[in-house]
Amino acid sequence: NITDDKNFKKNIIFRDLPCENVEQLEKDSLKE
């Protein structure tokens, strides 16, 4: 929007996120 550079428009790609165990993340957070 600032530069009107089409390369940034091409870069707007939503990829699938890594499938991490959220419950494990919360356990790790509690452990920490």
ModelCIF file with pLDDT and N, C-alpha, C, O atoms, coordinates in Angstrom:
data_MODEL
#
_entry.id   MODEL 
#
_entity.id                         1 
_entity.type                       polymer 
_entity.pdbx_number_of_molecules   1 
#
_entity_poly.entity_id                      1 
_entity_poly.type                           'polypeptide(L)' 
_entity_poly.nstd_linkage                   no 
_entity_poly.nstd_monomer                   no 
_entity_poly.pdbx_seq_one_letter_code       NITDDKNFKKNIIFRDLPCENVEQLEKDSLKE 
_entity_poly.pdbx_seq_one_letter_code_can   NITDDKNFKKNIIFRDLPCENVEQLEKDSLKE 
_entity_poly.pdbx_strand_id                 A 
#
loop_
_entity_poly_seq.entity_id 
_entity_poly_seq.num 
_entity_poly_seq.mon_id 
_entity_poly_seq.hetero 
1 1  ASN n 
1 2  ILE n 
1 3  THR n 
1 4  ASP n 
1 5  ASP n 
1 6  LYS n 
1 7  ASN n 
1 8  PHE n 
1 9  LYS n 
1 10 LYS n 
1 11 ASN n 
1 12 ILE n 
1 13 ILE n 
1 14 PHE n 
1 15 ARG n 
1 16 ASP n 
1 17 LEU n 
1 18 PRO n 
1 19 CYS n 
1 20 GLU n 
1 21 ASN n 
1 22 VAL n 
1 23 GLU n 
1 24 GLN n 
1 25 LEU n 
1 26 GLU n 
1 27 LYS n 
1 28 ASP n 
1 29 SER n 
1 30 LEU n 
1 31 LYS n 
1 32 GLU n 
#
_struct_asym.id          A 
_struct_asym.entity_id   1 
#
loop_
_ma_qa_metric.id 
_ma_qa_metric.mode 
_ma_qa_metric.name 
_ma_qa_metric.software_group_id 
_ma_qa_metric.type 
1 global pLDDT . pLDDT 
2 local  pLDDT . pLDDT 
#
_ma_qa_metric_global.metric_id      1 
_ma_qa_metric_global.metric_value   68.34 
_ma_qa_metric_global.model_id       1 
_ma_qa_metric_global.ordinal_id     1 
#
loop_
_ma_qa_metric_local.label_asym_id 
_ma_qa_metric_local.label_comp_id 
_ma_qa_metric_local.label_seq_id 
_ma_qa_metric_local.metric_id 
_ma_qa_metric_local.metric_value 
_ma_qa_metric_local.model_id 
_ma_qa_metric_local.ordinal_id 
A ASN 1  2 90.00 1 1  
A ILE 2  2 90.00 1 2  
A THR 3  2 88.00 1 3  
A ASP 4  2 87.00 1 4  
A ASP 5  2 86.00 1 5  
A LYS 6  2 85.00 1 6  
A ASN 7  2 84.00 1 7  
A PHE 8  2 87.00 1 8  
A LYS 9  2 82.00 1 9  
A LYS 10 2 80.00 1 10 
A ASN 11 2 74.00 1 11 
A ILE 12 2 81.00 1 12 
A ILE 13 2 75.00 1 13 
A PHE 14 2 72.00 1 14 
A ARG 15 2 63.00 1 15 
A ASP 16 2 56.00 1 16 
A LEU 17 2 51.00 1 17 
A PRO 18 2 52.00 1 18 
A CYS 19 2 49.00 1 19 
A GLU 20 2 52.00 1 20 
A ASN 21 2 53.00 1 21 
A VAL 22 2 53.00 1 22 
A GLU 23 2 56.00 1 23 
A GLN 24 2 57.00 1 24 
A LEU 25 2 57.00 1 25 
A GLU 26 2 57.00 1 26 
A LYS 27 2 61.00 1 27 
A ASP 28 2 62.00 1 28 
A SER 29 2 59.00 1 29 
A LEU 30 2 61.00 1 30 
A LYS 31 2 64.00 1 31 
A GLU 32 2 63.00 1 32 
#
loop_
_atom_site.group_PDB 
_atom_site.id 
_atom_site.type_symbol 
_atom_site.label_atom_id 
_atom_site.label_alt_id 
_atom_site.label_comp_id 
_atom_site.label_asym_id 
_atom_site.label_entity_id 
_atom_site.label_seq_id 
_atom_site.pdbx_PDB_ins_code 
_atom_site.Cartn_x 
_atom_site.Cartn_y 
_atom_site.Cartn_z 
_atom_site.occupancy 
_atom_site.B_iso_or_equiv 
_atom_site.pdbx_formal_charge 
_atom_site.auth_seq_id 
_atom_site.auth_comp_id 
_atom_site.auth_asym_id 
_atom_site.auth_atom_id 
_atom_site.pdbx_PDB_model_num 
ATOM 1   N N  . ASN A 1 1  ? 0.815  -1.217  0.000  1.00 90.00 ? 1  ASN A N  1 
ATOM 2   C CA . ASN A 1 1  ? 0.000  0.000   0.000  1.00 90.00 ? 1  ASN A CA 1 
ATOM 3   C C  . ASN A 1 1  ? 0.846  1.263   0.000  1.00 90.00 ? 1  ASN A C  1 
ATOM 4   O O  . ASN A 1 1  ? 0.442  2.292   -0.543 1.00 90.00 ? 1  ASN A O  1 
ATOM 5   N N  . ILE A 1 2  ? 2.024  1.180   0.613  1.00 90.00 ? 2  ILE A N  1 
ATOM 6   C CA . ILE A 1 2  ? 2.903  2.352   0.661  1.00 90.00 ? 2  ILE A CA 1 
ATOM 7   C C  . ILE A 1 2  ? 3.645  2.550   -0.654 1.00 90.00 ? 2  ILE A C  1 
ATOM 8   O O  . ILE A 1 2  ? 3.741  3.668   -1.160 1.00 90.00 ? 2  ILE A O  1 
ATOM 9   N N  . THR A 1 3  ? 4.169  1.455   -1.207 1.00 88.00 ? 3  THR A N  1 
ATOM 10  C CA . THR A 1 3  ? 5.042  1.566   -2.380 1.00 88.00 ? 3  THR A CA 1 
ATOM 11  C C  . THR A 1 3  ? 4.348  1.272   -3.708 1.00 88.00 ? 3  THR A C  1 
ATOM 12  O O  . THR A 1 3  ? 4.834  1.668   -4.768 1.00 88.00 ? 3  THR A O  1 
ATOM 13  N N  . ASP A 1 4  ? 3.218  0.582   -3.651 1.00 87.00 ? 4  ASP A N  1 
ATOM 14  C CA . ASP A 1 4  ? 2.525  0.128   -4.863 1.00 87.00 ? 4  ASP A CA 1 
ATOM 15  C C  . ASP A 1 4  ? 3.400  -0.832  -5.665 1.00 87.00 ? 4  ASP A C  1 
ATOM 16  O O  . ASP A 1 4  ? 3.250  -0.954  -6.880 1.00 87.00 ? 4  ASP A O  1 
ATOM 17  N N  . ASP A 1 5  ? 4.320  -1.514  -4.971 1.00 86.00 ? 5  ASP A N  1 
ATOM 18  C CA . ASP A 1 5  ? 5.228  -2.472  -5.597 1.00 86.00 ? 5  ASP A CA 1 
ATOM 19  C C  . ASP A 1 5  ? 4.516  -3.815  -5.720 1.00 86.00 ? 5  ASP A C  1 
ATOM 20  O O  . ASP A 1 5  ? 4.157  -4.418  -4.709 1.00 86.00 ? 5  ASP A O  1 
ATOM 21  N N  . LYS A 1 6  ? 4.311  -4.286  -6.935 1.00 85.00 ? 6  LYS A N  1 
ATOM 22  C CA . LYS A 1 6  ? 3.551  -5.511  -7.181 1.00 85.00 ? 6  LYS A CA 1 
ATOM 23  C C  . LYS A 1 6  ? 4.231  -6.744  -6.597 1.00 85.00 ? 6  LYS A C  1 
ATOM 24  O O  . LYS A 1 6  ? 3.574  -7.760  -6.371 1.00 85.00 ? 6  LYS A O  1 
ATOM 25  N N  . ASN A 1 7  ? 5.541  -6.670  -6.349 1.00 84.00 ? 7  ASN A N  1 
ATOM 26  C CA . ASN A 1 7  ? 6.246  -7.804  -5.756 1.00 84.00 ? 7  ASN A CA 1 
ATOM 27  C C  . ASN A 1 7  ? 5.712  -8.110  -4.356 1.00 84.00 ? 7  ASN A C  1 
ATOM 28  O O  . ASN A 1 7  ? 5.678  -9.265  -3.933 1.00 84.00 ? 7  ASN A O  1 
ATOM 29  N N  . PHE A 1 8  ? 5.299  -7.069  -3.650 1.00 87.00 ? 8  PHE A N  1 
ATOM 30  C CA . PHE A 1 8  ? 4.726  -7.296  -2.328 1.00 87.00 ? 8  PHE A CA 1 
ATOM 31  C C  . PHE A 1 8  ? 3.342  -7.930  -2.444 1.00 87.00 ? 8  PHE A C  1 
ATOM 32  O O  . PHE A 1 8  ? 2.945  -8.740  -1.606 1.00 87.00 ? 8  PHE A O  1 
ATOM 33  N N  . LYS A 1 9  ? 2.620  -7.550  -3.490 1.00 82.00 ? 9  LYS A N  1 
ATOM 34  C CA . LYS A 1 9  ? 1.299  -8.145  -3.724 1.00 82.00 ? 9  LYS A CA 1 
ATOM 35  C C  . LYS A 1 9  ? 1.432  -9.653  -3.939 1.00 82.00 ? 9  LYS A C  1 
ATOM 36  O O  . LYS A 1 9  ? 0.619  -10.437 -3.448 1.00 82.00 ? 9  LYS A O  1 
ATOM 37  N N  . LYS A 1 10 ? 2.471  -10.045 -4.682 1.00 80.00 ? 10 LYS A N  1 
ATOM 38  C CA . LYS A 1 10 ? 2.716  -11.475 -4.922 1.00 80.00 ? 10 LYS A CA 1 
ATOM 39  C C  . LYS A 1 10 ? 3.125  -12.189 -3.629 1.00 80.00 ? 10 LYS A C  1 
ATOM 40  O O  . LYS A 1 10 ? 2.940  -13.397 -3.482 1.00 80.00 ? 10 LYS A O  1 
ATOM 41  N N  . ASN A 1 11 ? 3.670  -11.430 -2.722 1.00 74.00 ? 11 ASN A N  1 
ATOM 42  C CA . ASN A 1 11 ? 4.205  -12.008 -1.493 1.00 74.00 ? 11 ASN A CA 1 
ATOM 43  C C  . ASN A 1 11 ? 3.132  -12.255 -0.437 1.00 74.00 ? 11 ASN A C  1 
ATOM 44  O O  . ASN A 1 11 ? 3.404  -12.857 0.602  1.00 74.00 ? 11 ASN A O  1 
ATOM 45  N N  . ILE A 1 12 ? 1.911  -11.789 -0.704 1.00 81.00 ? 12 ILE A N  1 
ATOM 46  C CA . ILE A 1 12 ? 0.826  -11.946 0.264  1.00 81.00 ? 12 ILE A CA 1 
ATOM 47  C C  . ILE A 1 12 ? 0.231  -13.342 0.086  1.00 81.00 ? 12 ILE A C  1 
ATOM 48  O O  . ILE A 1 12 ? -0.809 -13.517 -0.549 1.00 81.00 ? 12 ILE A O  1 
ATOM 49  N N  . ILE A 1 13 ? 0.908  -14.317 0.657  1.00 75.00 ? 13 ILE A N  1 
ATOM 50  C CA . ILE A 1 13 ? 0.510  -15.716 0.540  1.00 75.00 ? 13 ILE A CA 1 
ATOM 51  C C  . ILE A 1 13 ? 0.317  -16.289 1.936  1.00 75.00 ? 13 ILE A C  1 
ATOM 52  O O  . ILE A 1 13 ? 1.185  -16.162 2.800  1.00 75.00 ? 13 ILE A O  1 
ATOM 53  N N  . PHE A 1 14 ? -0.823 -16.914 2.142  1.00 72.00 ? 14 PHE A N  1 
ATOM 54  C CA . PHE A 1 14 ? -1.112 -17.522 3.433  1.00 72.00 ? 14 PHE A CA 1 
ATOM 55  C C  . PHE A 1 14 ? -0.830 -19.018 3.347  1.00 72.00 ? 14 PHE A C  1 
ATOM 56  O O  . PHE A 1 14 ? -1.523 -19.762 2.653  1.00 72.00 ? 14 PHE A O  1 
ATOM 57  N N  . ARG A 1 15 ? 0.193  -19.433 4.063  1.00 63.00 ? 15 ARG A N  1 
ATOM 58  C CA . ARG A 1 15 ? 0.594  -20.838 4.026  1.00 63.00 ? 15 ARG A CA 1 
ATOM 59  C C  . ARG A 1 15 ? 0.060  -21.564 5.250  1.00 63.00 ? 15 ARG A C  1 
ATOM 60  O O  . ARG A 1 15 ? -0.227 -20.958 6.283  1.00 63.00 ? 15 ARG A O  1 
ATOM 61  N N  . ASP A 1 16 ? -0.066 -22.882 5.108  1.00 56.00 ? 16 ASP A N  1 
ATOM 62  C CA . ASP A 1 16 ? -0.447 -23.690 6.257  1.00 56.00 ? 16 ASP A CA 1 
ATOM 63  C C  . ASP A 1 16 ? 0.665  -23.637 7.294  1.00 56.00 ? 16 ASP A C  1 
ATOM 64  O O  . ASP A 1 16 ? 1.845  -23.748 6.962  1.00 56.00 ? 16 ASP A O  1 
ATOM 65  N N  . LEU A 1 17 ? 0.279  -23.468 8.539  1.00 51.00 ? 17 LEU A N  1 
ATOM 66  C CA . LEU A 1 17 ? 1.263  -23.378 9.613  1.00 51.00 ? 17 LEU A CA 1 
ATOM 67  C C  . LEU A 1 17 ? 1.724  -24.763 10.040 1.00 51.00 ? 17 LEU A C  1 
ATOM 68  O O  . LEU A 1 17 ? 0.998  -25.741 9.861  1.00 51.00 ? 17 LEU A O  1 
ATOM 69  N N  . PRO A 1 18 ? 2.923  -24.855 10.604 1.00 52.00 ? 18 PRO A N  1 
ATOM 70  C CA . PRO A 1 18 ? 3.374  -26.146 11.126 1.00 52.00 ? 18 PRO A CA 1 
ATOM 71  C C  . PRO A 1 18 ? 2.377  -26.670 12.149 1.00 52.00 ? 18 PRO A C  1 
ATOM 72  O O  . PRO A 1 18 ? 1.857  -25.902 12.958 1.00 52.00 ? 18 PRO A O  1 
ATOM 73  N N  . CYS A 1 19 ? 2.112  -27.940 12.120 1.00 49.00 ? 19 CYS A N  1 
ATOM 74  C CA . CYS A 1 19 ? 1.146  -28.540 13.042 1.00 49.00 ? 19 CYS A CA 1 
ATOM 75  C C  . CYS A 1 19 ? 1.861  -28.906 14.336 1.00 49.00 ? 19 CYS A C  1 
ATOM 76  O O  . CYS A 1 19 ? 2.400  -30.005 14.469 1.00 49.00 ? 19 CYS A O  1 
ATOM 77  N N  . GLU A 1 20 ? 1.860  -27.990 15.275 1.00 52.00 ? 20 GLU A N  1 
ATOM 78  C CA . GLU A 1 20 ? 2.499  -28.234 16.565 1.00 52.00 ? 20 GLU A CA 1 
ATOM 79  C C  . GLU A 1 20 ? 1.438  -28.635 17.593 1.00 52.00 ? 20 GLU A C  1 
ATOM 80  O O  . GLU A 1 20 ? 0.261  -28.307 17.440 1.00 52.00 ? 20 GLU A O  1 
ATOM 81  N N  . ASN A 1 21 ? 1.852  -29.326 18.610 1.00 53.00 ? 21 ASN A N  1 
ATOM 82  C CA . ASN A 1 21 ? 0.958  -29.710 19.684 1.00 53.00 ? 21 ASN A CA 1 
ATOM 83  C C  . ASN A 1 21 ? 0.791  -28.522 20.622 1.00 53.00 ? 21 ASN A C  1 
ATOM 84  O O  . ASN A 1 21 ? 1.693  -28.195 21.393 1.00 53.00 ? 21 ASN A O  1 
ATOM 85  N N  . VAL A 1 22 ? -0.389 -27.871 20.547 1.00 53.00 ? 22 VAL A N  1 
ATOM 86  C CA . VAL A 1 22 ? -0.625 -26.675 21.353 1.00 53.00 ? 22 VAL A CA 1 
ATOM 87  C C  . VAL A 1 22 ? -0.632 -27.009 22.832 1.00 53.00 ? 22 VAL A C  1 
ATOM 88  O O  . VAL A 1 22 ? -0.155 -26.233 23.660 1.00 53.00 ? 22 VAL A O  1 
ATOM 89  N N  . GLU A 1 23 ? -1.188 -28.193 23.160 1.00 56.00 ? 23 GLU A N  1 
ATOM 90  C CA . GLU A 1 23 ? -1.209 -28.607 24.564 1.00 56.00 ? 23 GLU A CA 1 
ATOM 91  C C  . GLU A 1 23 ? 0.207  -28.751 25.098 1.00 56.00 ? 23 GLU A C  1 
ATOM 92  O O  . GLU A 1 23 ? 0.481  -28.408 26.248 1.00 56.00 ? 23 GLU A O  1 
ATOM 93  N N  . GLN A 1 24 ? 1.109  -29.262 24.258 1.00 57.00 ? 24 GLN A N  1 
ATOM 94  C CA . GLN A 1 24 ? 2.506  -29.408 24.658 1.00 57.00 ? 24 GLN A CA 1 
ATOM 95  C C  . GLN A 1 24 ? 3.158  -28.040 24.836 1.00 57.00 ? 24 GLN A C  1 
ATOM 96  O O  . GLN A 1 24 ? 3.966  -27.838 25.743 1.00 57.00 ? 24 GLN A O  1 
ATOM 97  N N  . LEU A 1 25 ? 2.788  -27.082 23.939 1.00 57.00 ? 25 LEU A N  1 
ATOM 98  C CA . LEU A 1 25 ? 3.316  -25.731 24.067 1.00 57.00 ? 25 LEU A CA 1 
ATOM 99  C C  . LEU A 1 25 ? 2.926  -25.116 25.406 1.00 57.00 ? 25 LEU A C  1 
ATOM 100 O O  . LEU A 1 25 ? 3.735  -24.464 26.066 1.00 57.00 ? 25 LEU A O  1 
ATOM 101 N N  . GLU A 1 26 ? 1.654  -25.338 25.798 1.00 57.00 ? 26 GLU A N  1 
ATOM 102 C CA . GLU A 1 26 ? 1.182  -24.785 27.064 1.00 57.00 ? 26 GLU A CA 1 
ATOM 103 C C  . GLU A 1 26 ? 1.892  -25.456 28.238 1.00 57.00 ? 26 GLU A C  1 
ATOM 104 O O  . GLU A 1 26 ? 2.201  -24.806 29.237 1.00 57.00 ? 26 GLU A O  1 
ATOM 105 N N  . LYS A 1 27 ? 2.151  -26.778 28.112 1.00 61.00 ? 27 LYS A N  1 
ATOM 106 C CA . LYS A 1 27 ? 2.886  -27.488 29.160 1.00 61.00 ? 27 LYS A CA 1 
ATOM 107 C C  . LYS A 1 27 ? 4.310  -26.959 29.267 1.00 61.00 ? 27 LYS A C  1 
ATOM 108 O O  . LYS A 1 27 ? 4.835  -26.771 30.364 1.00 61.00 ? 27 LYS A O  1 
ATOM 109 N N  . ASP A 1 28 ? 4.930  -26.721 28.106 1.00 62.00 ? 28 ASP A N  1 
ATOM 110 C CA . ASP A 1 28 ? 6.298  -26.184 28.093 1.00 62.00 ? 28 ASP A CA 1 
ATOM 111 C C  . ASP A 1 28 ? 6.337  -24.799 28.724 1.00 62.00 ? 28 ASP A C  1 
ATOM 112 O O  . ASP A 1 28 ? 7.270  -24.454 29.450 1.00 62.00 ? 28 ASP A O  1 
ATOM 113 N N  . SER A 1 29 ? 5.294  -24.005 28.431 1.00 59.00 ? 29 SER A N  1 
ATOM 114 C CA . SER A 1 29 ? 5.216  -22.654 28.998 1.00 59.00 ? 29 SER A CA 1 
ATOM 115 C C  . SER A 1 29 ? 5.091  -22.721 30.513 1.00 59.00 ? 29 SER A C  1 
ATOM 116 O O  . SER A 1 29 ? 5.743  -21.966 31.234 1.00 59.00 ? 29 SER A O  1 
ATOM 117 N N  . LEU A 1 30 ? 4.235  -23.645 30.999 1.00 61.00 ? 30 LEU A N  1 
ATOM 118 C CA . LEU A 1 30 ? 4.056  -23.813 32.436 1.00 61.00 ? 30 LEU A CA 1 
ATOM 119 C C  . LEU A 1 30 ? 5.346  -24.296 33.089 1.00 61.00 ? 30 LEU A C  1 
ATOM 120 O O  . LEU A 1 30 ? 5.733  -23.828 34.159 1.00 61.00 ? 30 LEU A O  1 
ATOM 121 N N  . LYS A 1 31 ? 6.006  -25.247 32.420 1.00 64.00 ? 31 LYS A N  1 
ATOM 122 C CA . LYS A 1 31 ? 7.272  -25.777 32.924 1.00 64.00 ? 31 LYS A CA 1 
ATOM 123 C C  . LYS A 1 31 ? 8.310  -24.666 33.046 1.00 64.00 ? 31 LYS A C  1 
ATOM 124 O O  . LYS A 1 31 ? 9.019  -24.566 34.047 1.00 64.00 ? 31 LYS A O  1 
ATOM 125 N N  . GLU A 1 32 ? 8.385  -23.831 32.003 1.00 63.00 ? 32 GLU A N  1 
ATOM 126 C CA . GLU A 1 32 ? 9.347  -22.726 32.008 1.00 63.00 ? 32 GLU A CA 1 
ATOM 127 C C  . GLU A 1 32 ? 9.041  -21.747 33.134 1.00 63.00 ? 32 GLU A C  1 
ATOM 128 O O  . GLU A 1 32 ? 9.747  -20.752 33.294 1.00 63.00 ? 32 GLU A O  1 
#
